[in-house]
């Protein structure tokens, strides 16, 4: 089973659209009417949907680290810096992760792009 992604509100639509063209299962916080949720609530929502959050927001890393330290489960976070990782790299690496990975690979983990 492939990984499914949940894009937070900081992810450009060009990344989401390119992944969809490549057959990757993606929903956005906007589509889910969750774009105004804080990071903790957004991680909870992604967990309920069994999706890995992709973000370019540094603050999201703090919430993921807090959960790791406290033993609070989450379905995973993938992070790419807004200025250091291009849209093309994000798309190609996320496609690889989605198609080669298993949902359990990302649980309670933070992955950084580029791989």
N, C-alpha and C. Protein backbone atom coordinates (compact mmCIF):
# COMPACT_ATOMS: atom_id res chain seq x y z
N UNK A 1 0.84 -1.18 0.00
CA UNK A 1 0.00 0.00 0.00
C UNK A 1 0.89 1.24 0.00
N UNK A 2 0.62 2.18 -0.85
CA UNK A 2 1.41 3.40 -0.97
C UNK A 2 1.07 4.38 0.16
N UNK A 3 2.00 5.28 0.39
CA UNK A 3 1.76 6.35 1.36
C UNK A 3 0.82 7.39 0.77
N UNK A 4 0.00 7.97 1.60
CA UNK A 4 -0.88 9.06 1.20
C UNK A 4 -0.44 10.31 1.96
N UNK A 5 -0.51 11.46 1.28
CA UNK A 5 -0.02 12.71 1.87
C UNK A 5 -1.15 13.66 2.22
N UNK A 6 -0.85 14.47 3.24
CA UNK A 6 -1.72 15.56 3.67
C UNK A 6 -0.86 16.82 3.60
N UNK A 7 -1.18 17.72 2.68
CA UNK A 7 -0.39 18.93 2.49
C UNK A 7 -0.90 20.04 3.39
N UNK A 8 0.00 20.62 4.19
CA UNK A 8 -0.44 21.74 5.02
C UNK A 8 -0.60 22.98 4.15
N UNK A 9 -1.05 24.08 4.73
CA UNK A 9 -1.37 25.27 3.96
C UNK A 9 -0.14 26.00 3.43
N UNK A 10 1.06 25.59 3.81
CA UNK A 10 2.29 26.24 3.32
C UNK A 10 2.85 25.59 2.06
N UNK A 11 2.23 24.55 1.58
CA UNK A 11 2.73 23.83 0.41
C UNK A 11 2.16 24.44 -0.87
N UNK A 12 3.03 24.82 -1.80
CA UNK A 12 2.53 25.38 -3.07
C UNK A 12 1.68 24.37 -3.84
N UNK A 13 0.65 24.88 -4.48
CA UNK A 13 -0.25 23.99 -5.24
C UNK A 13 0.49 23.30 -6.39
N UNK A 14 1.58 23.86 -6.86
CA UNK A 14 2.33 23.22 -7.94
C UNK A 14 2.88 21.86 -7.50
N UNK A 15 3.24 21.72 -6.24
CA UNK A 15 3.72 20.43 -5.74
C UNK A 15 2.56 19.44 -5.68
N UNK A 16 1.45 19.88 -5.13
CA UNK A 16 0.27 19.02 -5.03
C UNK A 16 -0.19 18.57 -6.41
N UNK A 17 -0.30 19.50 -7.34
CA UNK A 17 -0.77 19.17 -8.69
C UNK A 17 0.18 18.21 -9.41
N UNK A 18 1.47 18.44 -9.28
CA UNK A 18 2.44 17.56 -9.94
C UNK A 18 2.38 16.14 -9.37
N UNK A 19 2.18 16.03 -8.07
CA UNK A 19 2.06 14.70 -7.46
C UNK A 19 0.80 13.99 -7.94
N UNK A 20 -0.27 14.72 -8.04
CA UNK A 20 -1.53 14.11 -8.53
C UNK A 20 -1.39 13.61 -9.96
N UNK A 21 -0.71 14.38 -10.79
CA UNK A 21 -0.46 13.95 -12.17
C UNK A 21 0.31 12.64 -12.19
N UNK A 22 1.16 12.44 -11.21
CA UNK A 22 1.98 11.23 -11.11
C UNK A 22 1.27 10.10 -10.36
N UNK A 23 0.01 10.30 -10.02
CA UNK A 23 -0.77 9.25 -9.39
C UNK A 23 -0.60 9.10 -7.89
N UNK A 24 -0.08 10.13 -7.22
CA UNK A 24 0.12 10.08 -5.77
C UNK A 24 -1.16 10.58 -5.09
N UNK A 25 -1.56 9.90 -4.02
CA UNK A 25 -2.76 10.23 -3.26
C UNK A 25 -2.45 11.41 -2.33
N UNK A 26 -3.05 12.56 -2.63
CA UNK A 26 -2.78 13.80 -1.90
C UNK A 26 -4.09 14.54 -1.62
N UNK A 27 -4.22 15.04 -0.39
CA UNK A 27 -5.27 16.02 -0.10
C UNK A 27 -4.60 17.20 0.60
N UNK A 28 -5.24 18.33 0.52
CA UNK A 28 -4.68 19.52 1.15
C UNK A 28 -5.53 19.93 2.34
N UNK A 29 -4.92 20.70 3.22
CA UNK A 29 -5.65 21.23 4.37
C UNK A 29 -6.80 22.12 3.89
N UNK A 30 -6.59 22.83 2.79
CA UNK A 30 -7.67 23.67 2.25
C UNK A 30 -8.85 22.81 1.80
N UNK A 31 -8.58 21.75 1.08
CA UNK A 31 -9.65 20.87 0.60
C UNK A 31 -10.41 20.21 1.75
N UNK A 32 -9.70 20.00 2.85
CA UNK A 32 -10.27 19.35 4.02
C UNK A 32 -10.89 20.37 4.99
N UNK A 33 -10.92 21.63 4.58
CA UNK A 33 -11.41 22.71 5.44
C UNK A 33 -10.69 22.76 6.79
N UNK A 34 -9.40 22.46 6.77
CA UNK A 34 -8.61 22.43 7.99
C UNK A 34 -7.45 23.42 7.94
N UNK A 35 -7.45 24.33 6.98
CA UNK A 35 -6.32 25.23 6.78
C UNK A 35 -6.13 26.25 7.90
N UNK A 36 -7.12 26.41 8.75
CA UNK A 36 -6.97 27.34 9.86
C UNK A 36 -6.62 26.64 11.18
N UNK A 37 -6.49 25.33 11.14
CA UNK A 37 -6.10 24.59 12.35
C UNK A 37 -4.65 24.86 12.71
N UNK A 38 -4.34 24.80 13.99
CA UNK A 38 -2.94 24.91 14.39
C UNK A 38 -2.22 23.60 14.07
N UNK A 39 -0.91 23.60 14.24
CA UNK A 39 -0.11 22.44 13.85
C UNK A 39 -0.51 21.17 14.59
N UNK A 40 -0.79 21.27 15.88
CA UNK A 40 -1.18 20.09 16.66
C UNK A 40 -2.49 19.50 16.13
N UNK A 41 -3.46 20.34 15.88
CA UNK A 41 -4.75 19.86 15.37
C UNK A 41 -4.60 19.29 13.97
N UNK A 42 -3.74 19.89 13.16
CA UNK A 42 -3.52 19.40 11.81
C UNK A 42 -2.86 18.01 11.83
N UNK A 43 -1.93 17.81 12.75
CA UNK A 43 -1.32 16.48 12.89
C UNK A 43 -2.35 15.46 13.36
N UNK A 44 -3.24 15.87 14.23
CA UNK A 44 -4.32 14.98 14.67
C UNK A 44 -5.23 14.61 13.51
N UNK A 45 -5.55 15.59 12.68
CA UNK A 45 -6.43 15.34 11.54
C UNK A 45 -5.76 14.39 10.54
N UNK A 46 -4.49 14.61 10.27
CA UNK A 46 -3.76 13.71 9.36
C UNK A 46 -3.69 12.30 9.94
N UNK A 47 -3.51 12.20 11.23
CA UNK A 47 -3.48 10.89 11.89
C UNK A 47 -4.81 10.17 11.70
N UNK A 48 -5.90 10.89 11.89
CA UNK A 48 -7.23 10.30 11.73
C UNK A 48 -7.45 9.80 10.30
N UNK A 49 -6.85 10.50 9.34
CA UNK A 49 -6.98 10.12 7.94
C UNK A 49 -5.89 9.15 7.47
N UNK A 50 -4.99 8.81 8.37
CA UNK A 50 -3.86 7.90 8.07
C UNK A 50 -3.00 8.44 6.92
N UNK A 51 -2.66 9.73 7.03
CA UNK A 51 -1.86 10.40 6.01
C UNK A 51 -0.64 11.04 6.65
N UNK A 52 0.44 11.09 5.88
CA UNK A 52 1.67 11.73 6.29
C UNK A 52 1.59 13.20 5.91
N UNK A 53 1.91 14.07 6.83
CA UNK A 53 1.89 15.51 6.56
C UNK A 53 3.16 15.89 5.82
N UNK A 54 2.99 16.64 4.73
CA UNK A 54 4.13 17.28 4.08
C UNK A 54 4.02 18.77 4.36
N UNK A 55 5.13 19.36 4.79
CA UNK A 55 5.14 20.77 5.15
C UNK A 55 6.45 21.42 4.75
N UNK A 56 6.39 22.73 4.60
CA UNK A 56 7.58 23.54 4.38
C UNK A 56 7.67 24.58 5.51
N UNK A 57 6.96 24.33 6.60
CA UNK A 57 6.86 25.23 7.75
C UNK A 57 7.76 24.73 8.87
N UNK A 58 8.76 25.52 9.21
CA UNK A 58 9.71 25.15 10.28
C UNK A 58 9.02 24.87 11.61
N UNK A 59 7.97 25.63 11.92
CA UNK A 59 7.27 25.48 13.20
C UNK A 59 6.67 24.08 13.37
N UNK A 60 6.33 23.46 12.27
CA UNK A 60 5.73 22.12 12.34
C UNK A 60 6.71 21.12 12.95
N UNK A 61 7.99 21.34 12.75
CA UNK A 61 9.01 20.44 13.29
C UNK A 61 9.00 20.44 14.82
N UNK A 62 8.71 21.58 15.40
CA UNK A 62 8.65 21.66 16.87
C UNK A 62 7.52 20.80 17.42
N UNK A 63 6.37 20.83 16.77
CA UNK A 63 5.24 20.02 17.22
C UNK A 63 5.54 18.53 17.06
N UNK A 64 6.16 18.16 15.96
CA UNK A 64 6.53 16.75 15.75
C UNK A 64 7.54 16.29 16.80
N UNK A 65 8.53 17.14 17.10
CA UNK A 65 9.53 16.79 18.11
C UNK A 65 8.89 16.66 19.49
N UNK A 66 7.96 17.55 19.79
CA UNK A 66 7.26 17.48 21.08
C UNK A 66 6.52 16.15 21.21
N UNK A 67 5.87 15.73 20.14
CA UNK A 67 5.14 14.46 20.17
C UNK A 67 6.09 13.27 20.29
N UNK A 68 7.20 13.34 19.60
CA UNK A 68 8.17 12.25 19.72
C UNK A 68 8.67 12.12 21.16
N UNK A 69 9.00 13.24 21.78
CA UNK A 69 9.51 13.23 23.16
C UNK A 69 8.45 12.78 24.16
N UNK A 70 7.20 13.14 23.92
CA UNK A 70 6.11 12.80 24.84
C UNK A 70 5.48 11.43 24.53
N UNK A 71 5.90 10.81 23.44
CA UNK A 71 5.33 9.52 23.07
C UNK A 71 3.92 9.63 22.52
N UNK A 72 3.58 10.78 21.96
CA UNK A 72 2.25 10.98 21.37
C UNK A 72 2.33 10.58 19.90
N UNK A 73 1.54 9.61 19.48
CA UNK A 73 1.65 9.13 18.09
C UNK A 73 1.17 10.13 17.05
N UNK A 74 1.79 10.07 15.91
CA UNK A 74 1.36 10.82 14.73
C UNK A 74 1.75 9.99 13.51
N UNK A 75 1.15 10.31 12.39
CA UNK A 75 1.31 9.46 11.21
C UNK A 75 2.53 9.81 10.38
N UNK A 76 3.31 10.78 10.83
CA UNK A 76 4.55 11.14 10.15
C UNK A 76 4.52 12.53 9.56
N UNK A 77 5.73 13.11 9.45
CA UNK A 77 5.91 14.42 8.87
C UNK A 77 7.09 14.36 7.92
N UNK A 78 6.90 14.95 6.75
CA UNK A 78 8.00 15.14 5.81
C UNK A 78 8.17 16.64 5.65
N UNK A 79 9.42 17.09 5.79
CA UNK A 79 9.72 18.52 5.77
C UNK A 79 10.73 18.84 4.67
N UNK A 80 10.49 19.95 3.98
CA UNK A 80 11.45 20.49 3.02
C UNK A 80 11.52 22.00 3.22
N UNK A 81 12.72 22.52 3.38
CA UNK A 81 12.92 23.95 3.58
C UNK A 81 12.45 24.71 2.35
N UNK A 82 11.77 25.84 2.57
CA UNK A 82 11.19 26.61 1.46
C UNK A 82 12.22 27.18 0.51
N UNK A 83 13.38 27.56 1.00
CA UNK A 83 14.38 28.20 0.15
C UNK A 83 15.46 27.26 -0.34
N UNK A 84 15.66 26.15 0.35
CA UNK A 84 16.78 25.27 0.02
C UNK A 84 16.41 24.04 -0.80
N UNK A 85 15.12 23.74 -0.89
CA UNK A 85 14.68 22.54 -1.61
C UNK A 85 13.68 22.98 -2.68
N UNK A 86 14.03 22.72 -3.93
CA UNK A 86 13.19 23.18 -5.04
C UNK A 86 11.88 22.39 -5.13
N UNK A 87 10.95 22.97 -5.86
CA UNK A 87 9.67 22.30 -6.09
C UNK A 87 9.90 20.98 -6.81
N UNK A 88 10.78 20.98 -7.80
CA UNK A 88 11.07 19.75 -8.55
C UNK A 88 11.62 18.64 -7.67
N UNK A 89 12.53 18.97 -6.76
CA UNK A 89 13.07 17.98 -5.82
C UNK A 89 11.96 17.48 -4.91
N UNK A 90 11.13 18.38 -4.41
CA UNK A 90 10.02 17.95 -3.56
C UNK A 90 9.14 16.95 -4.29
N UNK A 91 8.79 17.26 -5.52
CA UNK A 91 7.90 16.37 -6.28
C UNK A 91 8.54 15.02 -6.50
N UNK A 92 9.78 15.00 -6.98
CA UNK A 92 10.40 13.71 -7.30
C UNK A 92 10.64 12.87 -6.05
N UNK A 93 11.05 13.50 -4.96
CA UNK A 93 11.31 12.72 -3.74
C UNK A 93 10.02 12.28 -3.06
N UNK A 94 9.01 13.12 -3.07
CA UNK A 94 7.72 12.71 -2.49
C UNK A 94 7.09 11.58 -3.31
N UNK A 95 7.21 11.65 -4.62
CA UNK A 95 6.69 10.56 -5.45
C UNK A 95 7.39 9.24 -5.10
N UNK A 96 8.69 9.29 -4.96
CA UNK A 96 9.45 8.09 -4.61
C UNK A 96 9.01 7.55 -3.25
N UNK A 97 8.89 8.43 -2.27
CA UNK A 97 8.47 8.00 -0.93
C UNK A 97 7.07 7.39 -0.98
N UNK A 98 6.16 8.04 -1.69
CA UNK A 98 4.78 7.56 -1.76
C UNK A 98 4.69 6.19 -2.41
N UNK A 99 5.41 5.99 -3.48
CA UNK A 99 5.28 4.75 -4.25
C UNK A 99 6.13 3.61 -3.72
N UNK A 100 7.24 3.92 -3.05
CA UNK A 100 8.11 2.86 -2.55
C UNK A 100 7.90 2.58 -1.06
N UNK A 101 7.32 3.54 -0.36
CA UNK A 101 7.15 3.39 1.08
C UNK A 101 5.87 2.71 1.48
N UNK A 102 5.84 2.33 2.72
CA UNK A 102 4.65 1.77 3.35
C UNK A 102 4.18 2.76 4.42
N UNK A 103 2.89 2.82 4.68
CA UNK A 103 2.40 3.76 5.70
C UNK A 103 3.13 3.63 7.04
N UNK A 104 3.49 2.45 7.42
CA UNK A 104 4.16 2.26 8.71
C UNK A 104 5.57 2.84 8.72
N UNK A 105 6.16 3.08 7.56
CA UNK A 105 7.52 3.63 7.49
C UNK A 105 7.62 5.03 8.10
N UNK A 106 6.55 5.78 8.07
CA UNK A 106 6.61 7.18 8.49
C UNK A 106 6.01 7.43 9.87
N UNK A 107 5.35 6.45 10.44
CA UNK A 107 4.67 6.66 11.73
C UNK A 107 5.67 7.12 12.79
N UNK A 108 5.32 8.23 13.44
CA UNK A 108 6.13 8.83 14.52
C UNK A 108 7.50 9.30 14.05
N UNK A 109 7.68 9.49 12.75
CA UNK A 109 8.97 9.88 12.21
C UNK A 109 8.88 11.25 11.54
N UNK A 110 10.03 11.91 11.46
CA UNK A 110 10.18 13.14 10.70
C UNK A 110 11.24 12.85 9.64
N UNK A 111 10.86 13.03 8.39
CA UNK A 111 11.78 12.85 7.27
C UNK A 111 12.08 14.21 6.66
N UNK A 112 13.30 14.36 6.19
CA UNK A 112 13.73 15.63 5.61
C UNK A 112 14.07 15.45 4.14
N UNK A 113 13.61 16.40 3.31
CA UNK A 113 13.99 16.42 1.91
C UNK A 113 15.10 17.46 1.74
N UNK A 114 16.06 17.22 0.85
CA UNK A 114 16.15 16.04 -0.02
C UNK A 114 16.58 14.82 0.79
N UNK A 115 16.25 13.66 0.22
CA UNK A 115 16.59 12.38 0.87
C UNK A 115 18.08 12.21 0.99
